[in-house]
C-alpha atoms as a PDB file:
ATOM      1  CA  MET A   1       0.000   0.003   0.000  1.00  0.00           C
ATOM      2  CA  LYS A   2       1.324   3.438  -0.907  1.00  0.00           C
ATOM      3  CA  GLN A   3       2.115   5.974   1.777  1.00  0.00           C
ATOM      4  CA  ILE A   4      -0.875   8.271   2.387  1.00  0.00           C
ATOM      5  CA  LYS A   5      -0.099  11.968   1.950  1.00  0.00           C
ATOM      6  CA  ILE A   6      -1.934  14.545   4.063  1.00  0.00           C
ATOM      7  CA  ALA A   7      -1.924  18.332   3.565  1.00  0.00           C
ATOM      8  CA  PHE A   8      -2.700  20.239   6.777  1.00  0.00           C
ATOM      9  CA  PHE A   9      -3.934  23.833   6.550  1.00  0.00           C
ATOM     10  CA  ASP A  10      -4.114  26.666   9.106  1.00  0.00           C
ATOM     11  CA  THR A  11      -1.690  24.886  11.425  1.00  0.00           C
ATOM     12  CA  LYS A  12      -0.026  26.140  14.586  1.00  0.00           C
ATOM     13  CA  GLU A  13       2.756  24.690  16.711  1.00  0.00           C
ATOM     14  CA  TYR A  14       0.343  22.811  18.982  1.00  0.00           C
ATOM     15  CA  ASP A  15      -1.206  21.128  15.907  1.00  0.00           C
ATOM     16  CA  ARG A  16       2.153  20.001  14.598  1.00  0.00           C
ATOM     17  CA  ASN A  17       3.311  18.683  17.971  1.00  0.00           C
ATOM     18  CA  SER A  18       0.122  16.715  18.528  1.00  0.00           C
ATOM     19  CA  PHE A  19      -0.207  15.227  15.045  1.00  0.00           C
ATOM     20  CA  ASP A  20       3.496  14.380  14.761  1.00  0.00           C
ATOM     21  CA  LYS A  21       3.229  12.390  17.976  1.00  0.00           C
ATOM     22  CA  THR A  22       0.110  10.531  16.833  1.00  0.00           C
ATOM     23  CA  ASN A  23       1.578   9.918  13.377  1.00  0.00           C
ATOM     24  CA  GLN A  24       4.278   7.748  14.922  1.00  0.00           C
ATOM     25  CA  SER A  25       1.618   5.020  14.952  1.00  0.00           C
ATOM     26  CA  HIS A  26       0.506   5.631  11.349  1.00  0.00           C
ATOM     27  CA  SER A  27       3.513   6.818   9.310  1.00  0.00           C
ATOM     28  CA  PHE A  28       1.507   9.078   7.005  1.00  0.00           C
ATOM     29  CA  LYS A  29       3.431  11.622   4.962  1.00  0.00           C
ATOM     30  CA  ILE A  30       2.431  15.029   6.336  1.00  0.00           C
ATOM     31  CA  LYS A  31       2.896  18.556   5.001  1.00  0.00           C
ATOM     32  CA  TYR A  32       1.916  21.454   7.256  1.00  0.00           C
ATOM     33  CA  PHE A  33       0.768  24.756   5.765  1.00  0.00           C
ATOM     34  CA  GLU A  34       0.305  27.797   7.999  1.00  0.00           C
ATOM     35  CA  THR A  35      -2.007  29.413   5.449  1.00  0.00           C
ATOM     36  CA  LYS A  36      -5.759  28.845   5.622  1.00  0.00           C
ATOM     37  CA  LEU A  37      -7.474  26.698   3.022  1.00  0.00           C
ATOM     38  CA  THR A  38      -8.822  28.977   0.276  1.00  0.00           C
ATOM     39  CA  PRO A  39      -9.290  28.649  -3.490  1.00  0.00           C
ATOM     40  CA  ASP A  40      -5.718  29.900  -3.913  1.00  0.00           C
ATOM     41  CA  SER A  41      -4.061  27.638  -1.343  1.00  0.00           C
ATOM     42  CA  ALA A  42      -6.125  24.640  -2.519  1.00  0.00           C
ATOM     43  CA  LEU A  43      -3.867  24.614  -5.568  1.00  0.00           C
ATOM     44  CA  LEU A  44      -1.091  23.332  -3.276  1.00  0.00           C
ATOM     45  CA  THR A  45      -2.835  19.963  -2.808  1.00  0.00           C
ATOM     46  CA  GLU A  46      -1.626  18.327  -6.014  1.00  0.00           C
ATOM     47  CA  GLY A  47      -0.617  14.747  -5.180  1.00  0.00           C
ATOM     48  CA  TYR A  48      -2.185  14.649  -1.704  1.00  0.00           C
ATOM     49  CA  ASP A  49      -4.759  12.052  -0.681  1.00  0.00           C
ATOM     50  CA  VAL A  50      -6.231  13.949   2.258  1.00  0.00           C
ATOM     51  CA  VAL A  51      -6.685  17.580   3.249  1.00  0.00           C
ATOM     52  CA  CYS A  52      -6.932  18.284   6.976  1.00  0.00           C
ATOM     53  CA  ALA A  53      -8.787  21.551   7.699  1.00  0.00           C
ATOM     54  CA  PHE A  54      -9.941  23.598  10.681  1.00  0.00           C
ATOM     55  CA  VAL A  55     -12.820  25.869  11.699  1.00  0.00           C
ATOM     56  CA  ASN A  56     -11.803  28.995   9.758  1.00  0.00           C
ATOM     57  CA  ASP A  57     -10.785  27.270   6.535  1.00  0.00           C
ATOM     58  CA  THR A  58     -13.003  27.768   3.496  1.00  0.00           C
ATOM     59  CA  ILE A  59     -14.478  24.585   2.062  1.00  0.00           C
ATOM     60  CA  SER A  60     -16.673  26.133  -0.603  1.00  0.00           C
ATOM     61  CA  SER A  61     -17.848  24.638  -3.886  1.00  0.00           C
ATOM     62  CA  GLU A  62     -14.862  26.256  -5.609  1.00  0.00           C
ATOM     63  CA  VAL A  63     -12.410  24.728  -3.126  1.00  0.00           C
ATOM     64  CA  ILE A  64     -14.112  21.327  -3.359  1.00  0.00           C
ATOM     65  CA  ASP A  65     -13.823  21.350  -7.158  1.00  0.00           C
ATOM     66  CA  ILE A  66     -10.113  22.141  -6.928  1.00  0.00           C
ATOM     67  CA  LEU A  67      -9.479  19.405  -4.367  1.00  0.00           C
ATOM     68  CA  VAL A  68     -11.336  16.818  -6.446  1.00  0.00           C
ATOM     69  CA  GLU A  69      -9.460  17.889  -9.578  1.00  0.00           C
ATOM     70  CA  LYS A  70      -6.156  17.531  -7.690  1.00  0.00           C
ATOM     71  CA  GLY A  71      -7.050  13.980  -6.673  1.00  0.00           C
ATOM     72  CA  VAL A  72      -7.865  14.534  -2.981  1.00  0.00           C
ATOM     73  CA  LYS A  73     -10.125  11.749  -1.707  1.00  0.00           C
ATOM     74  CA  MET A  74     -11.002  13.018   1.763  1.00  0.00           C
ATOM     75  CA  ILE A  75     -11.341  16.207   3.797  1.00  0.00           C
ATOM     76  CA  ALA A  76     -10.641  15.544   7.474  1.00  0.00           C
ATOM     77  CA  MET A  77     -11.979  18.312   9.689  1.00  0.00           C
ATOM     78  CA  ARG A  78      -9.963  18.374  12.925  1.00  0.00           C
ATOM     79  CA  CYS A  79     -12.926  19.894  14.767  1.00  0.00           C
ATOM     80  CA  ALA A  80     -16.531  19.097  15.578  1.00  0.00           C
ATOM     81  CA  GLY A  81     -18.210  21.907  13.659  1.00  0.00           C
ATOM     82  CA  TYR A  82     -18.627  21.964   9.894  1.00  0.00           C
ATOM     83  CA  ASN A  83     -20.635  25.109   9.144  1.00  0.00           C
ATOM     84  CA  ASN A  84     -17.746  26.284   6.927  1.00  0.00           C
ATOM     85  CA  VAL A  85     -18.246  23.265   4.642  1.00  0.00           C
ATOM     86  CA  ASP A  86     -20.599  23.240   1.645  1.00  0.00           C
ATOM     87  CA  LEU A  87     -21.934  19.782   2.480  1.00  0.00           C
ATOM     88  CA  SER A  88     -24.622  19.638  -0.183  1.00  0.00           C
ATOM     89  CA  TYR A  89     -22.087  20.420  -2.916  1.00  0.00           C
ATOM     90  CA  ALA A  90     -19.532  17.980  -1.505  1.00  0.00           C
ATOM     91  CA  PHE A  91     -21.990  15.069  -1.440  1.00  0.00           C
ATOM     92  CA  GLY A  92     -21.035  12.480  -4.026  1.00  0.00           C
ATOM     93  CA  LYS A  93     -17.759  14.249  -4.846  1.00  0.00           C
ATOM     94  CA  ILE A  94     -15.524  13.919  -1.802  1.00  0.00           C
ATOM     95  CA  HIS A  95     -15.757  12.347   1.653  1.00  0.00           C
ATOM     96  CA  ILE A  96     -15.695  14.586   4.716  1.00  0.00           C
ATOM     97  CA  VAL A  97     -15.040  13.404   8.267  1.00  0.00           C
ATOM     98  CA  ARG A  98     -14.852  15.300  11.530  1.00  0.00           C
ATOM     99  CA  VAL A  99     -14.030  14.846  15.216  1.00  0.00           C
ATOM    100  CA  PRO A 100     -17.454  14.631  16.868  1.00  0.00           C
ATOM    101  CA  ALA A 101     -16.248  14.655  20.492  1.00  0.00           C
ATOM    102  CA  TYR A 102     -12.672  15.583  21.319  1.00  0.00           C
ATOM    103  CA  SER A 103     -13.173  16.857  24.865  1.00  0.00           C
ATOM    104  CA  PRO A 104     -16.559  18.205  25.882  1.00  0.00           C
ATOM    105  CA  TYR A 105     -15.054  18.843  29.305  1.00  0.00           C
ATOM    106  CA  ALA A 106     -12.576  21.329  27.828  1.00  0.00           C
ATOM    107  CA  VAL A 107     -15.272  23.489  26.228  1.00  0.00           C
ATOM    108  CA  ALA A 108     -17.682  23.359  29.175  1.00  0.00           C
ATOM    109  CA  GLU A 109     -14.917  24.193  31.637  1.00  0.00           C
ATOM    110  CA  HIS A 110     -13.854  27.180  29.538  1.00  0.00           C
ATOM    111  CA  ALA A 111     -17.442  28.420  29.464  1.00  0.00           C
ATOM    112  CA  LEU A 112     -17.515  28.168  33.249  1.00  0.00           C
ATOM    113  CA  ALA A 113     -14.192  30.016  33.416  1.00  0.00           C
ATOM    114  CA  LEU A 114     -15.704  32.884  31.426  1.00  0.00           C
ATOM    115  CA  ILE A 115     -18.674  32.997  33.796  1.00  0.00           C
ATOM    116  CA  MET A 116     -16.443  33.054  36.866  1.00  0.00           C
ATOM    117  CA  ALA A 117     -14.069  35.671  35.467  1.00  0.00           C
ATOM    118  CA  LEU A 118     -16.845  38.005  34.329  1.00  0.00           C
ATOM    119  CA  ASN A 119     -18.800  37.659  37.544  1.00  0.00           C
ATOM    120  CA  ARG A 120     -15.930  38.000  40.025  1.00  0.00           C
ATOM    121  CA  LYS A 121     -13.861  40.210  37.700  1.00  0.00           C
ATOM    122  CA  THR A 122     -10.696  38.213  38.269  1.00  0.00           C
ATOM    123  CA  HIS A 123      -9.174  39.493  35.017  1.00  0.00           C
ATOM    124  CA  LYS A 124      -9.530  43.060  36.285  1.00  0.00           C
ATOM    125  CA  ALA A 125      -8.202  42.159  39.736  1.00  0.00           C
ATOM    126  CA  TYR A 126      -5.172  40.525  38.136  1.00  0.00           C
ATOM    127  CA  ASN A 127      -4.348  43.670  36.149  1.00  0.00           C
ATOM    128  CA  ARG A 128      -4.750  45.832  39.251  1.00  0.00           C
ATOM    129  CA  THR A 129      -2.537  43.810  41.543  1.00  0.00           C
ATOM    130  CA  ARG A 130       0.148  43.555  38.861  1.00  0.00           C
ATOM    131  CA  ASP A 131       0.318  47.350  39.162  1.00  0.00           C
ATOM    132  CA  ASN A 132       0.371  47.135  42.987  1.00  0.00           C
ATOM    133  CA  ASN A 133      -3.225  48.379  43.121  1.00  0.00           C
ATOM    134  CA  PHE A 134      -5.108  46.400  45.778  1.00  0.00           C
ATOM    135  CA  ASN A 135      -8.322  48.439  45.690  1.00  0.00           C
ATOM    136  CA  ILE A 136     -11.421  46.245  45.334  1.00  0.00           C
ATOM    137  CA  ASN A 137     -13.908  48.948  44.395  1.00  0.00           C
ATOM    138  CA  GLY A 138     -15.838  47.955  41.274  1.00  0.00           C
ATOM    139  CA  LEU A 139     -15.169  44.245  41.707  1.00  0.00           C
ATOM    140  CA  VAL A 140     -18.515  43.286  43.246  1.00  0.00           C
ATOM    141  CA  GLY A 141     -19.961  40.053  41.844  1.00  0.00           C
ATOM    142  CA  PHE A 142     -22.978  37.911  42.669  1.00  0.00           C
ATOM    143  CA  ASP A 143     -23.623  34.436  44.063  1.00  0.00           C
ATOM    144  CA  LEU A 144     -24.201  31.887  41.334  1.00  0.00           C
ATOM    145  CA  HIS A 145     -25.996  29.697  43.861  1.00  0.00           C
ATOM    146  CA  GLY A 146     -29.743  30.001  43.397  1.00  0.00           C
ATOM    147  CA  LYS A 147     -29.549  31.764  40.022  1.00  0.00           C
ATOM    148  CA  THR A 148     -31.044  30.374  36.801  1.00  0.00           C
ATOM    149  CA  ALA A 149     -28.881  29.216  33.901  1.00  0.00           C
ATOM    150  CA  GLY A 150     -30.257  28.751  30.401  1.00  0.00           C
ATOM    151  CA  ILE A 151     -28.350  26.131  28.384  1.00  0.00           C
ATOM    152  CA  ILE A 152     -29.067  26.113  24.664  1.00  0.00           C
ATOM    153  CA  GLY A 153     -27.893  22.789  23.299  1.00  0.00           C
ATOM    154  CA  ALA A 154     -27.948  19.833  25.696  1.00  0.00           C
ATOM    155  CA  GLY A 155     -25.573  17.540  23.830  1.00  0.00           C
ATOM    156  CA  LYS A 156     -22.273  16.267  25.186  1.00  0.00           C
ATOM    157  CA  ILE A 157     -20.874  19.720  26.024  1.00  0.00           C
ATOM    158  CA  GLY A 158     -24.177  21.112  27.209  1.00  0.00           C
ATOM    159  CA  ARG A 159     -24.740  18.192  29.574  1.00  0.00           C
ATOM    160  CA  ILE A 160     -21.333  18.642  31.170  1.00  0.00           C
ATOM    161  CA  MET A 161     -22.071  22.350  31.531  1.00  0.00           C
ATOM    162  CA  ILE A 162     -25.347  21.446  33.237  1.00  0.00           C
ATOM    163  CA  ASP A 163     -23.477  19.207  35.686  1.00  0.00           C
ATOM    164  CA  LEU A 164     -20.999  21.998  36.484  1.00  0.00           C
ATOM    165  CA  LEU A 165     -23.717  24.586  37.081  1.00  0.00           C
ATOM    166  CA  LYS A 166     -25.908  22.218  39.075  1.00  0.00           C
ATOM    167  CA  GLY A 167     -22.850  21.586  41.243  1.00  0.00           C
ATOM    168  CA  LEU A 168     -22.803  25.313  41.998  1.00  0.00           C
ATOM    169  CA  GLY A 169     -26.420  25.196  43.120  1.00  0.00           C
ATOM    170  CA  MET A 170     -27.941  26.819  40.040  1.00  0.00           C
ATOM    171  CA  LYS A 171     -31.356  26.085  38.592  1.00  0.00           C
ATOM    172  CA  VAL A 172     -30.933  24.926  34.993  1.00  0.00           C
ATOM    173  CA  LEU A 173     -33.314  25.279  32.059  1.00  0.00           C
ATOM    174  CA  ALA A 174     -32.186  23.598  28.835  1.00  0.00           C
ATOM    175  CA  TYR A 175     -33.285  23.785  25.230  1.00  0.00           C
ATOM    176  CA  ASP A 176     -32.547  21.020  22.732  1.00  0.00           C
ATOM    177  CA  SER A 177     -34.379  19.612  19.724  1.00  0.00           C
ATOM    178  CA  TRP A 178     -33.794  16.089  21.112  1.00  0.00           C
ATOM    179  CA  LYS A 179     -35.170  15.808  24.637  1.00  0.00           C
ATOM    180  CA  ASP A 180     -34.316  13.069  27.127  1.00  0.00           C
ATOM    181  CA  GLU A 181     -36.798  13.624  29.928  1.00  0.00           C
ATOM    182  CA  LYS A 182     -35.502  10.722  32.004  1.00  0.00           C
ATOM    183  CA  TYR A 183     -31.974  12.119  31.864  1.00  0.00           C
ATOM    184  CA  ALA A 184     -33.275  15.559  32.811  1.00  0.00           C
ATOM    185  CA  ALA A 185     -35.154  14.151  35.779  1.00  0.00           C
ATOM    186  CA  ASP A 186     -32.126  12.177  36.928  1.00  0.00           C
ATOM    187  CA  LYS A 187     -29.853  15.227  36.661  1.00  0.00           C
ATOM    188  CA  GLY A 188     -32.337  17.700  38.119  1.00  0.00           C
ATOM    189  CA  PHE A 189     -32.809  20.120  35.229  1.00  0.00           C
ATOM    190  CA  GLU A 190     -35.797  21.029  33.102  1.00  0.00           C
ATOM    191  CA  TYR A 191     -36.314  21.357  29.369  1.00  0.00           C
ATOM    192  CA  ALA A 192     -37.930  24.622  28.289  1.00  0.00           C
ATOM    193  CA  ASP A 193     -38.699  26.540  25.119  1.00  0.00           C
ATOM    194  CA  LEU A 194     -36.459  29.369  24.007  1.00  0.00           C
ATOM    195  CA  ASP A 195     -38.784  32.183  25.027  1.00  0.00           C
ATOM    196  CA  ARG A 196     -38.968  30.909  28.604  1.00  0.00           C
ATOM    197  CA  ILE A 197     -35.201  30.521  28.768  1.00  0.00           C
ATOM    198  CA  TYR A 198     -34.650  34.027  27.402  1.00  0.00           C
ATOM    199  CA  LYS A 199     -37.059  35.461  30.007  1.00  0.00           C
ATOM    200  CA  GLU A 200     -35.855  33.534  33.083  1.00  0.00           C
ATOM    201  CA  ALA A 201     -32.119  32.949  32.644  1.00  0.00           C
ATOM    202  CA  ASP A 202     -29.635  35.017  34.624  1.00  0.00           C
ATOM    203  CA  ILE A 203     -26.891  33.368  32.561  1.00  0.00           C
ATOM    204  CA  LEU A 204     -27.371  32.168  28.990  1.00  0.00           C
ATOM    205  CA  SER A 205     -24.754  29.739  27.636  1.00  0.00           C
ATOM    206  CA  LEU A 206     -24.738  28.570  24.026  1.00  0.00           C
ATOM    207  CA  HIS A 207     -23.664  25.002  23.206  1.00  0.00           C
ATOM    208  CA  CYS A 208     -25.508  24.252  19.962  1.00  0.00           C
ATOM    209  CA  PRO A 209     -24.336  23.829  16.361  1.00  0.00           C
ATOM    210  CA  LEU A 210     -24.753  26.571  13.789  1.00  0.00           C
ATOM    211  CA  THR A 211     -27.661  25.796  11.476  1.00  0.00           C
ATOM    212  CA  LYS A 212     -30.123  27.853   9.453  1.00  0.00           C
ATOM    213  CA  GLU A 213     -32.467  27.650  12.447  1.00  0.00           C
ATOM    214  CA  SER A 214     -29.923  28.663  15.075  1.00  0.00           C
ATOM    215  CA  GLN A 215     -28.151  31.446  13.157  1.00  0.00           C
ATOM    216  CA  TYR A 216     -28.542  34.752  15.044  1.00  0.00           C
ATOM    217  CA  MET A 217     -30.754  33.126  17.680  1.00  0.00           C
ATOM    218  CA  VAL A 218     -29.436  35.836  20.007  1.00  0.00           C
ATOM    219  CA  ASN A 219     -30.741  38.959  18.295  1.00  0.00           C
ATOM    220  CA  LYS A 220     -32.525  42.223  19.028  1.00  0.00           C
ATOM    221  CA  GLU A 221     -35.849  40.514  19.699  1.00  0.00           C
ATOM    222  CA  SER A 222     -34.499  37.722  21.904  1.00  0.00           C
ATOM    223  CA  ILE A 223     -32.323  40.146  23.904  1.00  0.00           C
ATOM    224  CA  GLU A 224     -35.396  42.283  24.576  1.00  0.00           C
ATOM    225  CA  LEU A 225     -37.004  39.235  26.218  1.00  0.00           C
ATOM    226  CA  MET A 226     -34.053  38.667  28.551  1.00  0.00           C
ATOM    227  CA  LYS A 227     -33.600  39.825  32.109  1.00  0.00           C
ATOM    228  CA  ASP A 228     -31.836  43.109  32.699  1.00  0.00           C
ATOM    229  CA  ASN A 229     -28.127  42.569  33.321  1.00  0.00           C
ATOM    230  CA  VAL A 230     -28.172  39.090  31.753  1.00  0.00           C
ATOM    231  CA  MET A 231     -24.859  37.304  31.147  1.00  0.00           C
ATOM    232  CA  ILE A 232     -24.385  35.765  27.689  1.00  0.00           C
ATOM    233  CA  ILE A 233     -21.692  33.126  27.105  1.00  0.00           C
ATOM    234  CA  ASN A 234     -20.796  31.729  23.686  1.00  0.00           C
ATOM    235  CA  THR A 235     -18.215  28.973  23.233  1.00  0.00           C
ATOM    236  CA  SER A 236     -19.956  27.429  20.219  1.00  0.00           C
ATOM    237  CA  ARG A 237     -20.163  29.395  16.946  1.00  0.00           C
ATOM    238  CA  GLY A 238     -19.942  33.138  16.372  1.00  0.00           C
ATOM    239  CA  HIS A 239     -22.941  33.400  14.070  1.00  0.00           C
ATOM    240  CA  LEU A 240     -25.287  32.275  16.847  1.00  0.00           C
ATOM    241  CA  ILE A 241     -25.151  35.888  18.049  1.00  0.00           C
ATOM    242  CA  ASN A 242     -25.970  39.005  16.069  1.00  0.00           C
ATOM    243  CA  THR A 243     -23.032  41.076  17.283  1.00  0.00           C
ATOM    244  CA  GLY A 244     -24.666  44.385  16.423  1.00  0.00           C
ATOM    245  CA  ALA A 245     -27.652  43.516  18.600  1.00  0.00           C
ATOM    246  CA  LEU A 246     -25.313  42.358  21.382  1.00  0.00           C
ATOM    247  CA  ILE A 247     -23.462  45.671  21.316  1.00  0.00           C
ATOM    248  CA  GLU A 248     -26.742  47.575  21.546  1.00  0.00           C
ATOM    249  CA  GLY A 249     -27.719  45.417  24.511  1.00  0.00           C
ATOM    250  CA  LEU A 250     -24.406  46.166  26.185  1.00  0.00           C
ATOM    251  CA  LYS A 251     -24.792  49.899  25.565  1.00  0.00           C
ATOM    252  CA  THR A 252     -28.255  50.006  27.125  1.00  0.00           C
ATOM    253  CA  GLY A 253     -27.280  47.774  30.051  1.00  0.00           C
ATOM    254  CA  LYS A 254     -29.766  45.079  29.076  1.00  0.00           C
ATOM    255  CA  VAL A 255     -26.787  42.769  28.651  1.00  0.00           C
ATOM    256  CA  GLY A 256     -24.655  43.022  31.771  1.00  0.00           C
ATOM    257  CA  TYR A 257     -21.862  40.659  30.726  1.00  0.00           C
ATOM    258  CA  ALA A 258     -20.693  38.875  27.586  1.00  0.00           C
ATOM    259  CA  GLY A 259     -18.125  36.082  27.434  1.00  0.00           C
ATOM    260  CA  LEU A 260     -17.201  35.209  23.870  1.00  0.00           C
ATOM    261  CA  ASP A 261     -14.770  32.546  22.733  1.00  0.00           C
ATOM    262  CA  VAL A 262     -16.089  32.892  19.175  1.00  0.00           C
ATOM    263  CA  TYR A 263     -17.038  35.835  16.975  1.00  0.00           C
ATOM    264  CA  GLU A 264     -19.055  35.839  13.771  1.00  0.00           C
ATOM    265  CA  GLU A 265     -16.254  37.411  11.685  1.00  0.00           C
ATOM    266  CA  GLU A 266     -13.365  35.787  13.526  1.00  0.00           C
ATOM    267  CA  SER A 267     -11.594  34.082  10.619  1.00  0.00           C
ATOM    268  CA  GLU A 268      -9.224  36.961   9.858  1.00  0.00           C
ATOM    269  CA  TYR A 269      -8.153  37.613  13.448  1.00  0.00           C
ATOM    270  CA  PHE A 270      -8.561  34.608  15.735  1.00  0.00           C
ATOM    271  CA  PHE A 271      -5.474  32.403  16.161  1.00  0.00           C
ATOM    272  CA  GLU A 272      -3.270  35.227  14.825  1.00  0.00           C
ATOM    273  CA  ASP A 273      -1.088  37.915  16.484  1.00  0.00           C
ATOM    274  CA  PHE A 274      -2.142  41.513  15.831  1.00  0.00           C
ATOM    275  CA  SER A 275      -0.423  42.992  18.879  1.00  0.00           C
ATOM    276  CA  THR A 276       1.824  45.211  16.744  1.00  0.00           C
ATOM    277  CA  SER A 277      -0.888  46.289  14.300  1.00  0.00           C
ATOM    278  CA  MET A 278      -4.497  47.461  14.349  1.00  0.00           C
ATOM    279  CA  VAL A 279      -7.737  45.527  14.391  1.00  0.00           C
ATOM    280  CA  MET A 280      -9.550  46.927  11.368  1.00  0.00           C
ATOM    281  CA  ASP A 281     -12.835  45.182  12.169  1.00  0.00           C
ATOM    282  CA  ASP A 282     -14.825  48.019  13.735  1.00  0.00           C
ATOM    283  CA  THR A 283     -17.342  45.676  15.365  1.00  0.00           C
ATOM    284  CA  LEU A 284     -14.688  43.544  17.034  1.00  0.00           C
ATOM    285  CA  ALA A 285     -12.790  46.666  18.098  1.00  0.00           C
ATOM    286  CA  ARG A 286     -16.004  48.047  19.630  1.00  0.00           C
ATOM    287  CA  LEU A 287     -16.599  44.826  21.555  1.00  0.00           C
ATOM    288  CA  LEU A 288     -13.128  45.011  23.035  1.00  0.00           C
ATOM    289  CA  THR A 289     -13.823  48.470  24.493  1.00  0.00           C
ATOM    290  CA  PHE A 290     -16.488  47.204  26.921  1.00  0.00           C
ATOM    291  CA  ASN A 291     -15.173  46.469  30.405  1.00  0.00           C
ATOM    292  CA  ASN A 292     -17.921  43.868  30.929  1.00  0.00           C
ATOM    293  CA  VAL A 293     -16.963  41.863  27.835  1.00  0.00           C
ATOM    294  CA  LEU A 294     -14.360  39.100  27.909  1.00  0.00           C
ATOM    295  CA  VAL A 295     -13.177  37.813  24.523  1.00  0.00           C
ATOM    296  CA  THR A 296     -10.932  34.780  24.126  1.00  0.00           C
ATOM    297  CA  SER A 297      -9.569  33.622  20.795  1.00  0.00           C
ATOM    298  CA  HIS A 298     -11.482  30.372  20.140  1.00  0.00           C
ATOM    299  CA  GLN A 299      -9.425  28.537  22.769  1.00  0.00           C
ATOM    300  CA  ALA A 300     -12.170  26.634  24.593  1.00  0.00           C
ATOM    301  CA  PHE A 301     -11.019  23.364  22.998  1.00  0.00           C
ATOM    302  CA  LEU A 302      -7.351  23.930  23.820  1.00  0.00           C
ATOM    303  CA  THR A 303      -6.361  21.321  26.409  1.00  0.00           C
ATOM    304  CA  ARG A 304      -3.751  18.581  26.172  1.00  0.00           C
ATOM    305  CA  GLU A 305      -6.452  15.937  26.318  1.00  0.00           C
ATOM    306  CA  ALA A 306      -8.499  17.551  23.546  1.00  0.00           C
ATOM    307  CA  LEU A 307      -5.509  17.940  21.234  1.00  0.00           C
ATOM    308  CA  GLU A 308      -4.615  14.294  21.744  1.00  0.00           C
ATOM    309  CA  ASN A 309      -8.176  13.170  21.029  1.00  0.00           C
ATOM    310  CA  ILE A 310      -8.400  15.383  17.938  1.00  0.00           C
ATOM    311  CA  SER A 311      -5.216  13.992  16.433  1.00  0.00           C
ATOM    312  CA  MET A 312      -6.032  10.372  17.310  1.00  0.00           C
ATOM    313  CA  THR A 313      -9.607  10.500  15.987  1.00  0.00           C
ATOM    314  CA  THR A 314      -8.555  12.280  12.786  1.00  0.00           C
ATOM    315  CA  MET A 315      -5.726   9.871  12.034  1.00  0.00           C
ATOM    316  CA  GLU A 316      -7.857   6.819  12.829  1.00  0.00           C
ATOM    317  CA  SER A 317     -10.600   8.064  10.493  1.00  0.00           C
ATOM    318  CA  ILE A 318      -8.061   8.464   7.686  1.00  0.00           C
ATOM    319  CA  ASP A 319      -6.495   5.063   8.375  1.00  0.00           C
ATOM    320  CA  SER A 320      -9.890   3.350   8.481  1.00  0.00           C
ATOM    321  CA  PHE A 321     -10.868   4.792   5.105  1.00  0.00           C
ATOM    322  CA  PHE A 322      -7.695   3.866   3.237  1.00  0.00           C
ATOM    323  CA  THR A 323      -7.073   0.546   4.998  1.00  0.00           C
ATOM    324  CA  ASN A 324     -10.515  -0.915   5.717  1.00  0.00           C
ATOM    325  CA  ASP A 325     -12.798   0.941   3.276  1.00  0.00           C
ATOM    326  CA  LYS A 326     -14.763   2.318   6.237  1.00  0.00           C
ATOM    327  CA  LEU A 327     -15.678   5.926   6.860  1.00  0.00           C
ATOM    328  CA  GLU A 328     -15.809   6.603  10.569  1.00  0.00           C
ATOM    329  CA  ASN A 329     -17.131   9.993  11.693  1.00  0.00           C
ATOM    330  CA  GLU A 330     -18.274  10.999   8.208  1.00  0.00           C
ATOM    331  CA  ILE A 331     -20.677  13.905   7.925  1.00  0.00           C
ATOM    332  CA  CYS A 332     -23.433  12.267   5.931  1.00  0.00           C
ATOM    333  CA  TYR A 333     -25.450  14.854   4.025  1.00  0.00           C
ATOM    334  CA  GLN A 334     -27.690  12.217   2.471  1.00  0.00           C
ATOM    335  CA  CYS A 335     -28.979  11.053   5.841  1.00  0.00           C
ATOM    336  CA  THR A 336     -28.887  14.334   7.698  1.00  0.00           C
ATOM    337  CA  THR A 337     -26.386  17.109   8.256  1.00  0.00           C
ATOM    338  CA  GLU A 338     -27.083  16.897  11.980  1.00  0.00           C
ATOM    339  CA  ARG A 339     -26.569  13.186  12.705  1.00  0.00           C
ATOM    340  CA  PRO A 340     -23.431  11.783  10.999  1.00  0.00           C
ATOM    341  CA  CYS A 341     -23.415   8.112  10.143  1.00  0.00           C
ATOM    342  CA  LEU A 342     -20.921   5.468   9.060  1.00  0.00           C
ATOM    343  CA  LYS A 343     -20.546   4.745   5.339  1.00  0.00           C
ATOM    344  CA  ASP A 344     -18.383   2.601   3.145  1.00  0.00           C
ATOM    345  CA  LYS A 345     -16.669   3.763  -0.046  1.00  0.00           C
ATOM    346  CA  THR A 346     -19.728   2.921  -2.140  1.00  0.00           C
ATOM    347  CA  GLY A 347     -21.707   5.508  -0.222  1.00  0.00           C
ATOM    348  CA  LYS A 348     -23.902   2.886   1.430  1.00  0.00           C
ATOM    349  CA  CYS A 349     -24.766   3.696   5.043  1.00  0.00           C
ATOM    350  CA  PHE A 350     -24.280   0.992   7.635  1.00  0.00           C
END
């Protein structure tokens, strides 16, 4: 069997370290590109069997056509989300796999970290004490115990988030299109519709995929339903929140806190260093001026355990396809774009 060649795009040092370690068990031939996958950079894939892409790469119809023309057989997304992939166009042309669950603990714990930091203002206290300022004026927080959390998306990450918040003594309302009432009863939370969650939640945390239905689910109208001084946390996808509406909510005080690990126009800035230049995105720059907004650069997934799981799952999916004619973790558009299935090379689901 020939050696499988993989082209990695939008890579950083932590990617290379993790995948090089995992590749010791596979011996694939790997080429790392720092550039993102675009129609221009897709031209670099001549002779490669697999392209490995990330959340801010562009997998449009144009890119897919180029990859197919260059002989690429598979796109391996080293992430769970795939809203940047034109799945309907890819169907029947190229196989696409993902990492459905790398570490739900990592993302849920980061969401909790944003809540804690915003509430108790630890990031501000850190900056003060570094300057020998030990004044605690303006650092008043609130007890999480007894407050209501609204969790949108009660999948693997959402369920761990529910456990964490229940452990703090919070009441939890959850929204999900697939309800497990027995699980909810066992864990002590309640399913609710979106309007009720918007009206009752002191903290709203988003853990759902980006779909046509969920895009901009936090908007002017939904924010108007929320409690005054609500805290909004997003560690899922940037386009779940209409940033313009969020900024208006922050300006009026309707939104008291925002913790964002994702941003709807993040692809140009997140994961990159702009410390010696200017952020030309006026909306992002405006967000960063609010002292009750905490933005992190899409790092919720970034733990040692998650990186190991991402590399292992990705490599095993590639190995299974080329060695055993099985497609593990494929995103199956034919069945549904929400519930991936297993398929063989003929396209038959099993």
